Amino acid sequence: MSAGKYNITIEQGADFALAFTLKEDDSAKDLSDYSARAQMRAKKSSTDIAATFVCAVTDASAGKLTMKLSNNTTKQLSPGTYFYDLELFTASDANVTRLLEGTATVTAEVTR
């Protein structure tokens, strides 16, 4: 399965959150044995991480998870375009799936 493409916009200095419900064959995927992780970088090939999202499975049996950045994190980001992806993985990393990927556009904050 290929990762879904989803471009996001992050407002500098504001909280960011995105919630998902994962489905397989029209039913919620059981995420009981899974965790999620996501990072953002200025270039896909960069070793420098611009931000690490806080990811959580919020309702395993219903296939629900979230990825978030706090306002303290987003205010440290320079406006511009970044790249991100979101992965689902098991505790042993034996099964890693890239769920989403795309660009993350950070818009400049005016009120500080």
C-alpha atoms as a PDB file:
ATOM      1  CA  MET A   1       0.000   0.000   0.000  1.00  0.00           C
ATOM      2  CA  SER A   2       1.367   3.406  -0.949  1.00  0.00           C
ATOM      3  CA  ALA A   3       1.276   6.298   1.471  1.00  0.00           C
ATOM      4  CA  GLY A   4      -1.539   8.763   1.039  1.00  0.00           C
ATOM      5  CA  LYS A   5      -0.640  12.266  -0.085  1.00  0.00           C
ATOM      6  CA  TYR A   6      -1.919  15.053   2.154  1.00  0.00           C
ATOM      7  CA  ASN A   7      -0.467  18.558   2.286  1.00  0.00           C
ATOM      8  CA  ILE A   8      -0.895  20.447   5.547  1.00  0.00           C
ATOM      9  CA  THR A   9      -0.687  24.069   6.649  1.00  0.00           C
ATOM     10  CA  ILE A  10       0.769  24.918  10.048  1.00  0.00           C
ATOM     11  CA  GLU A  11       0.270  28.375  11.512  1.00  0.00           C
ATOM     12  CA  GLN A  12       3.437  29.634  13.196  1.00  0.00           C
ATOM     13  CA  GLY A  13       2.840  30.202  16.924  1.00  0.00           C
ATOM     14  CA  ALA A  14      -0.439  28.236  17.035  1.00  0.00           C
ATOM     15  CA  ASP A  15      -1.279  24.711  18.136  1.00  0.00           C
ATOM     16  CA  PHE A  16      -1.598  22.215  15.283  1.00  0.00           C
ATOM     17  CA  ALA A  17      -3.543  18.955  15.423  1.00  0.00           C
ATOM     18  CA  LEU A  18      -4.741  16.470  12.869  1.00  0.00           C
ATOM     19  CA  ALA A  19      -6.951  13.489  13.752  1.00  0.00           C
ATOM     20  CA  PHE A  20      -7.334  10.331  11.651  1.00  0.00           C
ATOM     21  CA  THR A  21      -9.490   7.242  11.554  1.00  0.00           C
ATOM     22  CA  LEU A  22      -7.802   4.345   9.774  1.00  0.00           C
ATOM     23  CA  LYS A  23      -9.938   1.838   7.940  1.00  0.00           C
ATOM     24  CA  GLU A  24      -9.228  -1.439   6.177  1.00  0.00           C
ATOM     25  CA  ASP A  25     -11.907  -2.988   3.990  1.00  0.00           C
ATOM     26  CA  ASP A  26     -14.429  -0.371   5.202  1.00  0.00           C
ATOM     27  CA  SER A  27     -13.870  -1.284   8.877  1.00  0.00           C
ATOM     28  CA  ALA A  28     -11.818   0.495  11.509  1.00  0.00           C
ATOM     29  CA  LYS A  29      -8.269  -0.903  11.726  1.00  0.00           C
ATOM     30  CA  ASP A  30      -7.445  -2.223  15.184  1.00  0.00           C
ATOM     31  CA  LEU A  31      -4.392  -0.251  16.319  1.00  0.00           C
ATOM     32  CA  SER A  32      -3.918  -2.092  19.627  1.00  0.00           C
ATOM     33  CA  ASP A  33      -0.377  -3.229  18.773  1.00  0.00           C
ATOM     34  CA  TYR A  34       0.657  -0.021  17.000  1.00  0.00           C
ATOM     35  CA  SER A  35       2.174   3.377  17.674  1.00  0.00           C
ATOM     36  CA  ALA A  36       2.652   6.315  15.324  1.00  0.00           C
ATOM     37  CA  ARG A  37       5.499   8.742  14.627  1.00  0.00           C
ATOM     38  CA  ALA A  38       5.925  11.736  12.343  1.00  0.00           C
ATOM     39  CA  GLN A  39       8.693  14.203  11.546  1.00  0.00           C
ATOM     40  CA  MET A  40       9.095  17.304   9.439  1.00  0.00           C
ATOM     41  CA  ARG A  41      12.250  18.362   7.569  1.00  0.00           C
ATOM     42  CA  ALA A  42      13.208  21.255   5.286  1.00  0.00           C
ATOM     43  CA  LYS A  43      14.428  18.763   2.658  1.00  0.00           C
ATOM     44  CA  LYS A  44      13.605  15.087   2.376  1.00  0.00           C
ATOM     45  CA  SER A  45      17.313  14.271   2.372  1.00  0.00           C
ATOM     46  CA  SER A  46      18.137  16.482   5.378  1.00  0.00           C
ATOM     47  CA  THR A  47      19.459  14.938   8.584  1.00  0.00           C
ATOM     48  CA  ASP A  48      18.146  17.946  10.538  1.00  0.00           C
ATOM     49  CA  ILE A  49      14.644  17.527  11.960  1.00  0.00           C
ATOM     50  CA  ALA A  50      12.597  20.738  11.854  1.00  0.00           C
ATOM     51  CA  ALA A  51       9.923  19.297  14.172  1.00  0.00           C
ATOM     52  CA  THR A  52       8.772  16.012  15.640  1.00  0.00           C
ATOM     53  CA  PHE A  53       5.030  15.605  15.917  1.00  0.00           C
ATOM     54  CA  VAL A  54       3.505  14.161  19.081  1.00  0.00           C
ATOM     55  CA  CYS A  55       1.563  11.169  17.797  1.00  0.00           C
ATOM     56  CA  ALA A  56      -0.890   9.058  19.769  1.00  0.00           C
ATOM     57  CA  VAL A  57      -3.329   6.252  19.182  1.00  0.00           C
ATOM     58  CA  THR A  58      -6.402   7.755  20.838  1.00  0.00           C
ATOM     59  CA  ASP A  59      -8.875   4.879  20.379  1.00  0.00           C
ATOM     60  CA  ALA A  60      -7.186   1.672  19.224  1.00  0.00           C
ATOM     61  CA  SER A  61     -10.320  -0.358  18.537  1.00  0.00           C
ATOM     62  CA  ALA A  62     -11.832   2.478  16.477  1.00  0.00           C
ATOM     63  CA  GLY A  63      -8.612   3.066  14.489  1.00  0.00           C
ATOM     64  CA  LYS A  64      -8.190   6.634  15.752  1.00  0.00           C
ATOM     65  CA  LEU A  65      -4.897   8.512  16.059  1.00  0.00           C
ATOM     66  CA  THR A  66      -3.654  12.093  16.191  1.00  0.00           C
ATOM     67  CA  MET A  67      -0.526  14.030  15.311  1.00  0.00           C
ATOM     68  CA  LYS A  68       0.131  17.358  17.021  1.00  0.00           C
ATOM     69  CA  LEU A  69       2.564  20.241  17.407  1.00  0.00           C
ATOM     70  CA  SER A  70       2.333  22.657  20.319  1.00  0.00           C
ATOM     71  CA  ASN A  71       2.401  26.418  19.831  1.00  0.00           C
ATOM     72  CA  ASN A  72       5.830  26.407  21.533  1.00  0.00           C
ATOM     73  CA  THR A  73       7.082  24.156  18.739  1.00  0.00           C
ATOM     74  CA  THR A  74       5.416  25.970  15.833  1.00  0.00           C
ATOM     75  CA  LYS A  75       6.693  29.376  16.938  1.00  0.00           C
ATOM     76  CA  GLN A  76      10.245  28.044  16.488  1.00  0.00           C
ATOM     77  CA  LEU A  77       9.586  27.112  12.840  1.00  0.00           C
ATOM     78  CA  SER A  78      10.588  29.499  10.080  1.00  0.00           C
ATOM     79  CA  PRO A  79       7.846  30.195   7.553  1.00  0.00           C
ATOM     80  CA  GLY A  80       8.188  28.147   4.398  1.00  0.00           C
ATOM     81  CA  THR A  81       7.631  24.711   2.917  1.00  0.00           C
ATOM     82  CA  TYR A  82       8.770  21.520   4.624  1.00  0.00           C
ATOM     83  CA  PHE A  83       8.224  17.806   4.053  1.00  0.00           C
ATOM     84  CA  TYR A  84       6.638  15.397   6.518  1.00  0.00           C
ATOM     85  CA  ASP A  85       5.503  11.824   6.796  1.00  0.00           C
ATOM     86  CA  LEU A  86       3.485   9.821   9.307  1.00  0.00           C
ATOM     87  CA  GLU A  87       4.343   6.195  10.060  1.00  0.00           C
ATOM     88  CA  LEU A  88       2.509   3.456  11.896  1.00  0.00           C
ATOM     89  CA  PHE A  89       4.761   0.869  13.578  1.00  0.00           C
ATOM     90  CA  THR A  90       4.770  -2.071  15.949  1.00  0.00           C
ATOM     91  CA  ALA A  91       6.816  -2.117  19.170  1.00  0.00           C
ATOM     92  CA  SER A  92       9.505  -4.248  17.546  1.00  0.00           C
ATOM     93  CA  ASP A  93       9.572  -2.114  14.373  1.00  0.00           C
ATOM     94  CA  ALA A  94       8.955  -5.386  12.540  1.00  0.00           C
ATOM     95  CA  ASN A  95       6.065  -3.781  10.686  1.00  0.00           C
ATOM     96  CA  VAL A  96       6.401  -0.123   9.611  1.00  0.00           C
ATOM     97  CA  THR A  97       3.851   1.486   7.287  1.00  0.00           C
ATOM     98  CA  ARG A  98       4.034   5.014   5.951  1.00  0.00           C
ATOM     99  CA  LEU A  99       0.450   6.246   6.182  1.00  0.00           C
ATOM    100  CA  LEU A 100       0.769   9.813   4.905  1.00  0.00           C
ATOM    101  CA  GLU A 101       3.308  12.077   3.312  1.00  0.00           C
ATOM    102  CA  GLY A 102       3.282  15.529   1.863  1.00  0.00           C
ATOM    103  CA  THR A 103       4.323  19.119   2.296  1.00  0.00           C
ATOM    104  CA  ALA A 104       3.865  21.154   5.445  1.00  0.00           C
ATOM    105  CA  THR A 105       3.569  24.855   4.735  1.00  0.00           C
ATOM    106  CA  VAL A 106       4.308  27.060   7.740  1.00  0.00           C
ATOM    107  CA  THR A 107       2.596  30.452   7.535  1.00  0.00           C
ATOM    108  CA  ALA A 108       4.111  33.426   9.357  1.00  0.00           C
ATOM    109  CA  GLU A 109       2.676  34.636  12.636  1.00  0.00           C
ATOM    110  CA  VAL A 110       1.833  38.345  12.866  1.00  0.00           C
ATOM    111  CA  THR A 111       0.649  38.634  16.465  1.00  0.00           C
ATOM    112  CA  ARG A 112       3.466  37.791  18.907  1.00  0.00           C
END
